[in-house]
Amino acid sequence: MPESLPPDTATPNLERLRGFIADFTRLVERHGDDEPAMLDAGRALLTGLIAVDDWLPDAYAQPDPVQYRQYLLHCDPYERFSVVSFVWGPGQRTPIHDHTVWGLVGILRGAERSQRYDIQPQGGPPVASPPEILKAGSVEAVSPRIGDVHAISNALADRPSISIHVYGGNIGAVRRSVFDPLTGQRKPFISGYANSALPNLWDRSQPVPHAA
């Protein structure tokens, strides 16, 4: 389980996020065309990031009363990968959707219910796999190669949950699809982001907290 730090009293340890982004940039440069290597090594990096909960700025951890929020934390300048925080209020969920790129989902706070689906080529309702509860500290992977269609919901009824996602592209600009749960009909969408400003990772004028 990650070490918990109350958001209202925490000083975000942006050095931890900055180091993760630097490490992931090096990983993409080495293995950007090798998806299995990206997912394997990327899983280890994301597991390390979410193991300690002291770095996410509060502005990117705020739930919305109506729907989940997707905050962009970083996008590679060549759009080779992006890092996003998803914040889920109680009862909030995604529709059934795909990604079209590889992705890693790490649970930072709370818990999420992951439901994977198979889309039938001939049409008809998407076929659901058994749901999985993802607890804080766990990481799962998605991609067109290993399984790309799922729906995610907050597994907790009384408080928000937060997950950190890394995708093999600028996920807020990728043309993707949602699927009708009864017919499997595909509808295109582009998700965008909830925020218009990114965390300032590059101001080193303040003392840097010790990164455990």
C-alpha atoms as a PDB file:
ATOM      1  CA  MET A   1       0.000   0.000   0.000  1.00  0.00           C
ATOM      2  CA  PRO A   2       1.323   3.511  -0.711  1.00  0.00           C
ATOM      3  CA  GLU A   3       2.315   5.700   2.215  1.00  0.00           C
ATOM      4  CA  SER A   4      -0.588   8.113   2.690  1.00  0.00           C
ATOM      5  CA  LEU A   5      -0.067  11.846   3.079  1.00  0.00           C
ATOM      6  CA  PRO A   6      -3.125  14.097   3.638  1.00  0.00           C
ATOM      7  CA  PRO A   7      -3.462  16.317   0.538  1.00  0.00           C
ATOM      8  CA  ASP A   8      -4.336  19.435   2.557  1.00  0.00           C
ATOM      9  CA  THR A   9      -1.114  19.293   4.583  1.00  0.00           C
ATOM     10  CA  ALA A  10       1.265  17.785   2.034  1.00  0.00           C
ATOM     11  CA  THR A  11       3.983  19.700   0.205  1.00  0.00           C
ATOM     12  CA  PRO A  12       4.046  18.093  -3.229  1.00  0.00           C
ATOM     13  CA  ASN A  13       7.356  16.365  -3.830  1.00  0.00           C
ATOM     14  CA  LEU A  14       7.594  17.282  -7.503  1.00  0.00           C
ATOM     15  CA  GLU A  15      11.126  15.913  -7.606  1.00  0.00           C
ATOM     16  CA  ARG A  16       9.565  12.447  -7.529  1.00  0.00           C
ATOM     17  CA  LEU A  17       7.314  13.179 -10.516  1.00  0.00           C
ATOM     18  CA  ARG A  18      10.157  14.937 -12.359  1.00  0.00           C
ATOM     19  CA  GLY A  19      12.394  11.901 -11.878  1.00  0.00           C
ATOM     20  CA  PHE A  20       9.677   9.555 -13.095  1.00  0.00           C
ATOM     21  CA  ILE A  21       9.183  11.597 -16.264  1.00  0.00           C
ATOM     22  CA  ALA A  22      12.924  11.673 -16.912  1.00  0.00           C
ATOM     23  CA  ASP A  23      13.168   7.897 -16.417  1.00  0.00           C
ATOM     24  CA  PHE A  24      10.183   7.268 -18.682  1.00  0.00           C
ATOM     25  CA  THR A  25      11.635   9.526 -21.375  1.00  0.00           C
ATOM     26  CA  ARG A  26      14.830   7.455 -21.346  1.00  0.00           C
ATOM     27  CA  LEU A  27      12.725   4.283 -21.497  1.00  0.00           C
ATOM     28  CA  VAL A  28      10.826   5.518 -24.562  1.00  0.00           C
ATOM     29  CA  GLU A  29      14.095   6.447 -26.243  1.00  0.00           C
ATOM     30  CA  ARG A  30      15.446   2.911 -25.665  1.00  0.00           C
ATOM     31  CA  HIS A  31      12.337   0.785 -26.240  1.00  0.00           C
ATOM     32  CA  GLY A  32       9.747   3.002 -27.897  1.00  0.00           C
ATOM     33  CA  ASP A  33       9.096   0.478 -30.682  1.00  0.00           C
ATOM     34  CA  ASP A  34       9.085  -2.567 -28.387  1.00  0.00           C
ATOM     35  CA  GLU A  35       5.712  -2.648 -26.644  1.00  0.00           C
ATOM     36  CA  PRO A  36       6.394  -5.684 -24.395  1.00  0.00           C
ATOM     37  CA  ALA A  37       9.598  -4.061 -23.126  1.00  0.00           C
ATOM     38  CA  MET A  38       7.798  -0.731 -22.652  1.00  0.00           C
ATOM     39  CA  LEU A  39       5.022  -2.308 -20.613  1.00  0.00           C
ATOM     40  CA  ASP A  40       7.377  -4.438 -18.538  1.00  0.00           C
ATOM     41  CA  ALA A  41       9.851  -1.698 -17.644  1.00  0.00           C
ATOM     42  CA  GLY A  42       7.143   0.975 -17.531  1.00  0.00           C
ATOM     43  CA  ARG A  43       5.165  -1.068 -15.008  1.00  0.00           C
ATOM     44  CA  ALA A  44       8.182  -1.102 -12.697  1.00  0.00           C
ATOM     45  CA  LEU A  45       8.616   2.678 -13.010  1.00  0.00           C
ATOM     46  CA  LEU A  46       4.929   3.389 -12.366  1.00  0.00           C
ATOM     47  CA  THR A  47       4.869   0.996  -9.413  1.00  0.00           C
ATOM     48  CA  GLY A  48       7.708   2.993  -7.898  1.00  0.00           C
ATOM     49  CA  LEU A  49       5.940   6.318  -8.486  1.00  0.00           C
ATOM     50  CA  ILE A  50       2.673   5.302  -6.816  1.00  0.00           C
ATOM     51  CA  ALA A  51       4.395   3.531  -3.923  1.00  0.00           C
ATOM     52  CA  VAL A  52       4.653   6.861  -2.060  1.00  0.00           C
ATOM     53  CA  ASP A  53       1.797   9.374  -2.064  1.00  0.00           C
ATOM     54  CA  ASP A  54       3.582  12.680  -1.530  1.00  0.00           C
ATOM     55  CA  TRP A  55       3.981  14.184  -4.999  1.00  0.00           C
ATOM     56  CA  LEU A  56       0.596  14.815  -6.688  1.00  0.00           C
ATOM     57  CA  PRO A  57      -0.363  18.526  -6.455  1.00  0.00           C
ATOM     58  CA  ASP A  58      -3.792  19.010  -4.924  1.00  0.00           C
ATOM     59  CA  ALA A  59      -5.044  20.885  -8.006  1.00  0.00           C
ATOM     60  CA  TYR A  60      -4.755  17.628  -9.984  1.00  0.00           C
ATOM     61  CA  ALA A  61      -6.513  15.516  -7.343  1.00  0.00           C
ATOM     62  CA  GLN A  62      -9.865  17.321  -7.224  1.00  0.00           C
ATOM     63  CA  PRO A  63     -13.051  15.339  -7.931  1.00  0.00           C
ATOM     64  CA  ASP A  64     -16.033  16.721  -9.799  1.00  0.00           C
ATOM     65  CA  PRO A  65     -19.537  16.165  -8.384  1.00  0.00           C
ATOM     66  CA  VAL A  66     -20.893  15.003 -11.751  1.00  0.00           C
ATOM     67  CA  GLN A  67     -18.197  13.066 -13.627  1.00  0.00           C
ATOM     68  CA  TYR A  68     -14.668  11.752 -13.317  1.00  0.00           C
ATOM     69  CA  ARG A  69     -11.805  14.078 -14.196  1.00  0.00           C
ATOM     70  CA  GLN A  70      -8.746  13.469 -16.348  1.00  0.00           C
ATOM     71  CA  TYR A  71      -5.838  15.824 -15.589  1.00  0.00           C
ATOM     72  CA  LEU A  72      -2.768  15.985 -17.814  1.00  0.00           C
ATOM     73  CA  LEU A  73       0.428  15.978 -15.738  1.00  0.00           C
ATOM     74  CA  HIS A  74       2.943  15.721 -18.595  1.00  0.00           C
ATOM     75  CA  CYS A  75       3.069  15.112 -22.333  1.00  0.00           C
ATOM     76  CA  ASP A  76       6.294  14.229 -24.102  1.00  0.00           C
ATOM     77  CA  PRO A  77       7.143  16.997 -26.635  1.00  0.00           C
ATOM     78  CA  TYR A  78       7.016  14.407 -29.435  1.00  0.00           C
ATOM     79  CA  GLU A  79       3.763  12.961 -27.995  1.00  0.00           C
ATOM     80  CA  ARG A  80       5.394   9.578 -27.483  1.00  0.00           C
ATOM     81  CA  PHE A  81       3.807   9.272 -24.036  1.00  0.00           C
ATOM     82  CA  SER A  82       1.616  11.178 -21.605  1.00  0.00           C
ATOM     83  CA  VAL A  83       1.053  11.017 -17.837  1.00  0.00           C
ATOM     84  CA  VAL A  84      -2.445  11.623 -16.491  1.00  0.00           C
ATOM     85  CA  SER A  85      -4.206  11.605 -13.111  1.00  0.00           C
ATOM     86  CA  PHE A  86      -7.763  10.268 -13.101  1.00  0.00           C
ATOM     87  CA  VAL A  87      -9.957  11.333 -10.172  1.00  0.00           C
ATOM     88  CA  TRP A  88     -13.167   9.421  -9.489  1.00  0.00           C
ATOM     89  CA  GLY A  89     -15.890  10.560  -7.140  1.00  0.00           C
ATOM     90  CA  PRO A  90     -18.114   7.949  -5.470  1.00  0.00           C
ATOM     91  CA  GLY A  91     -20.237   6.133  -8.032  1.00  0.00           C
ATOM     92  CA  GLN A  92     -18.439   7.570 -11.058  1.00  0.00           C
ATOM     93  CA  ARG A  93     -17.417   5.360 -13.983  1.00  0.00           C
ATOM     94  CA  THR A  94     -16.329   5.455 -17.600  1.00  0.00           C
ATOM     95  CA  PRO A  95     -18.320   4.047 -20.481  1.00  0.00           C
ATOM     96  CA  ILE A  96     -16.924   0.984 -22.226  1.00  0.00           C
ATOM     97  CA  HIS A  97     -14.030   2.380 -24.244  1.00  0.00           C
ATOM     98  CA  ASP A  98     -10.774   1.601 -26.021  1.00  0.00           C
ATOM     99  CA  HIS A  99      -7.369   3.347 -26.091  1.00  0.00           C
ATOM    100  CA  THR A 100      -5.717   2.382 -29.441  1.00  0.00           C
ATOM    101  CA  VAL A 101      -2.278   2.789 -27.774  1.00  0.00           C
ATOM    102  CA  TRP A 102      -0.573   0.943 -24.925  1.00  0.00           C
ATOM    103  CA  GLY A 103      -1.359   2.150 -21.431  1.00  0.00           C
ATOM    104  CA  LEU A 104      -0.472   1.562 -17.791  1.00  0.00           C
ATOM    105  CA  VAL A 105      -2.904   2.270 -14.941  1.00  0.00           C
ATOM    106  CA  GLY A 106      -1.574   2.584 -11.375  1.00  0.00           C
ATOM    107  CA  ILE A 107      -3.793   3.111  -8.335  1.00  0.00           C
ATOM    108  CA  LEU A 108      -2.516   5.923  -6.119  1.00  0.00           C
ATOM    109  CA  ARG A 109      -5.444   6.363  -3.698  1.00  0.00           C
ATOM    110  CA  GLY A 110      -8.537   4.309  -3.009  1.00  0.00           C
ATOM    111  CA  ALA A 111      -9.553   1.446  -5.308  1.00  0.00           C
ATOM    112  CA  GLU A 112     -11.026   0.954  -8.764  1.00  0.00           C
ATOM    113  CA  ARG A 113     -13.180  -1.695 -10.406  1.00  0.00           C
ATOM    114  CA  SER A 114     -11.848  -2.742 -13.811  1.00  0.00           C
ATOM    115  CA  GLN A 115     -14.173  -4.533 -16.231  1.00  0.00           C
ATOM    116  CA  ARG A 116     -12.641  -5.791 -19.482  1.00  0.00           C
ATOM    117  CA  TYR A 117     -14.679  -6.517 -22.609  1.00  0.00           C
ATOM    118  CA  ASP A 118     -14.365  -8.272 -25.952  1.00  0.00           C
ATOM    119  CA  ILE A 119     -16.021  -6.521 -28.897  1.00  0.00           C
ATOM    120  CA  GLN A 120     -17.771  -8.919 -31.272  1.00  0.00           C
ATOM    121  CA  PRO A 121     -16.830  -8.405 -34.964  1.00  0.00           C
ATOM    122  CA  GLN A 122     -20.345  -9.356 -36.029  1.00  0.00           C
ATOM    123  CA  GLY A 123     -21.950  -6.922 -33.563  1.00  0.00           C
ATOM    124  CA  GLY A 124     -23.953  -7.524 -30.429  1.00  0.00           C
ATOM    125  CA  PRO A 125     -23.307  -6.748 -26.760  1.00  0.00           C
ATOM    126  CA  PRO A 126     -19.654  -6.558 -25.675  1.00  0.00           C
ATOM    127  CA  VAL A 127     -18.677  -9.728 -23.791  1.00  0.00           C
ATOM    128  CA  ALA A 128     -17.553  -8.947 -20.231  1.00  0.00           C
ATOM    129  CA  SER A 129     -14.723 -10.691 -18.414  1.00  0.00           C
ATOM    130  CA  PRO A 130     -14.908 -11.120 -14.627  1.00  0.00           C
ATOM    131  CA  PRO A 131     -14.389  -7.739 -12.931  1.00  0.00           C
ATOM    132  CA  GLU A 132     -11.200  -7.032 -11.005  1.00  0.00           C
ATOM    133  CA  ILE A 133     -10.742  -4.743  -8.003  1.00  0.00           C
ATOM    134  CA  LEU A 134      -7.516  -2.753  -8.322  1.00  0.00           C
ATOM    135  CA  LYS A 135      -6.232  -1.603  -4.941  1.00  0.00           C
ATOM    136  CA  ALA A 136      -3.723   1.128  -4.116  1.00  0.00           C
ATOM    137  CA  GLY A 137      -0.264   0.209  -5.349  1.00  0.00           C
ATOM    138  CA  SER A 138      -1.432  -2.100  -8.150  1.00  0.00           C
ATOM    139  CA  VAL A 139      -0.756  -1.558 -11.859  1.00  0.00           C
ATOM    140  CA  GLU A 140      -2.534  -3.017 -14.896  1.00  0.00           C
ATOM    141  CA  ALA A 141      -1.739  -2.730 -18.601  1.00  0.00           C
ATOM    142  CA  VAL A 142      -3.881  -2.288 -21.713  1.00  0.00           C
ATOM    143  CA  SER A 143      -3.126  -2.234 -25.436  1.00  0.00           C
ATOM    144  CA  PRO A 144      -4.633  -3.444 -28.704  1.00  0.00           C
ATOM    145  CA  ARG A 145      -2.202  -6.384 -28.485  1.00  0.00           C
ATOM    146  CA  ILE A 146      -3.134  -7.653 -24.993  1.00  0.00           C
ATOM    147  CA  GLY A 147      -6.665  -6.285 -24.557  1.00  0.00           C
ATOM    148  CA  ASP A 148      -7.734  -2.705 -25.106  1.00  0.00           C
ATOM    149  CA  VAL A 149     -11.421  -2.374 -24.169  1.00  0.00           C
ATOM    150  CA  HIS A 150     -12.611  -1.841 -20.612  1.00  0.00           C
ATOM    151  CA  ALA A 151     -14.691   0.270 -18.257  1.00  0.00           C
ATOM    152  CA  ILE A 152     -13.397   1.655 -14.962  1.00  0.00           C
ATOM    153  CA  SER A 153     -15.337   2.784 -11.907  1.00  0.00           C
ATOM    154  CA  ASN A 154     -14.611   3.930  -8.376  1.00  0.00           C
ATOM    155  CA  ALA A 155     -14.761   0.861  -6.146  1.00  0.00           C
ATOM    156  CA  LEU A 156     -15.397   3.002  -3.058  1.00  0.00           C
ATOM    157  CA  ALA A 157     -18.825   4.389  -2.182  1.00  0.00           C
ATOM    158  CA  ASP A 158     -17.707   6.981   0.353  1.00  0.00           C
ATOM    159  CA  ARG A 159     -14.641   8.765  -1.045  1.00  0.00           C
ATOM    160  CA  PRO A 160     -12.716   9.555  -4.236  1.00  0.00           C
ATOM    161  CA  SER A 161     -10.157   7.263  -5.822  1.00  0.00           C
ATOM    162  CA  ILE A 162      -7.188   8.420  -7.895  1.00  0.00           C
ATOM    163  CA  SER A 163      -5.191   6.529 -10.512  1.00  0.00           C
ATOM    164  CA  ILE A 164      -2.109   7.549 -12.485  1.00  0.00           C
ATOM    165  CA  HIS A 165      -2.082   6.546 -16.141  1.00  0.00           C
ATOM    166  CA  VAL A 166       0.762   6.484 -18.652  1.00  0.00           C
ATOM    167  CA  TYR A 167      -0.141   6.108 -22.327  1.00  0.00           C
ATOM    168  CA  GLY A 168       1.857   5.593 -25.507  1.00  0.00           C
ATOM    169  CA  GLY A 169       0.687   8.880 -27.003  1.00  0.00           C
ATOM    170  CA  ASN A 170      -1.041  12.144 -26.123  1.00  0.00           C
ATOM    171  CA  ILE A 171      -4.140  10.346 -24.886  1.00  0.00           C
ATOM    172  CA  GLY A 172      -6.288  13.479 -24.682  1.00  0.00           C
ATOM    173  CA  ALA A 173      -5.808  13.991 -28.435  1.00  0.00           C
ATOM    174  CA  VAL A 174      -6.128  10.364 -29.591  1.00  0.00           C
ATOM    175  CA  ARG A 175      -9.246   9.485 -31.592  1.00  0.00           C
ATOM    176  CA  ARG A 176     -10.830   6.578 -29.712  1.00  0.00           C
ATOM    177  CA  SER A 177     -14.200   4.849 -29.328  1.00  0.00           C
ATOM    178  CA  VAL A 178     -16.877   4.156 -26.745  1.00  0.00           C
ATOM    179  CA  PHE A 179     -19.148   1.143 -27.184  1.00  0.00           C
ATOM    180  CA  ASP A 180     -22.859   0.762 -26.548  1.00  0.00           C
ATOM    181  CA  PRO A 181     -23.297  -1.881 -23.793  1.00  0.00           C
ATOM    182  CA  LEU A 182     -26.371  -3.381 -25.508  1.00  0.00           C
ATOM    183  CA  THR A 183     -25.453  -3.299 -29.188  1.00  0.00           C
ATOM    184  CA  GLY A 184     -21.672  -2.889 -29.227  1.00  0.00           C
ATOM    185  CA  GLN A 185     -22.094   0.046 -31.579  1.00  0.00           C
ATOM    186  CA  ARG A 186     -18.936   2.129 -31.792  1.00  0.00           C
ATOM    187  CA  LYS A 187     -18.998   5.907 -31.272  1.00  0.00           C
ATOM    188  CA  PRO A 188     -15.806   7.968 -31.797  1.00  0.00           C
ATOM    189  CA  PHE A 189     -14.569  10.435 -29.178  1.00  0.00           C
ATOM    190  CA  ILE A 190     -11.515  12.473 -28.197  1.00  0.00           C
ATOM    191  CA  SER A 191     -11.281  12.865 -24.434  1.00  0.00           C
ATOM    192  CA  GLY A 192      -9.310  16.084 -23.966  1.00  0.00           C
ATOM    193  CA  TYR A 193      -8.295  17.071 -20.422  1.00  0.00           C
ATOM    194  CA  ALA A 194      -9.910  18.745 -17.427  1.00  0.00           C
ATOM    195  CA  ASN A 195      -7.020  21.171 -16.882  1.00  0.00           C
ATOM    196  CA  SER A 196      -5.568  24.001 -18.946  1.00  0.00           C
ATOM    197  CA  ALA A 197      -2.286  24.312 -16.986  1.00  0.00           C
ATOM    198  CA  LEU A 198       0.360  21.727 -16.110  1.00  0.00           C
ATOM    199  CA  PRO A 199       2.323  21.241 -12.880  1.00  0.00           C
ATOM    200  CA  ASN A 200       5.480  23.370 -12.905  1.00  0.00           C
ATOM    201  CA  LEU A 201       8.146  20.697 -12.606  1.00  0.00           C
ATOM    202  CA  TRP A 202      11.040  22.980 -13.402  1.00  0.00           C
ATOM    203  CA  ASP A 203      11.015  25.634 -10.671  1.00  0.00           C
ATOM    204  CA  ARG A 204      13.782  24.613  -8.303  1.00  0.00           C
ATOM    205  CA  SER A 205      13.712  27.830  -6.249  1.00  0.00           C
ATOM    206  CA  GLN A 206      12.018  26.059  -3.317  1.00  0.00           C
ATOM    207  CA  PRO A 207      13.728  23.487  -1.087  1.00  0.00           C
ATOM    208  CA  VAL A 208      13.328  20.002  -2.514  1.00  0.00           C
ATOM    209  CA  PRO A 209      11.812  17.477  -0.091  1.00  0.00           C
ATOM    210  CA  HIS A 210      13.843  14.355   0.480  1.00  0.00           C
ATOM    211  CA  ALA A 211      12.709  11.610  -1.927  1.00  0.00           C
ATOM    212  CA  ALA A 212      12.624   8.338  -0.032  1.00  0.00           C
END
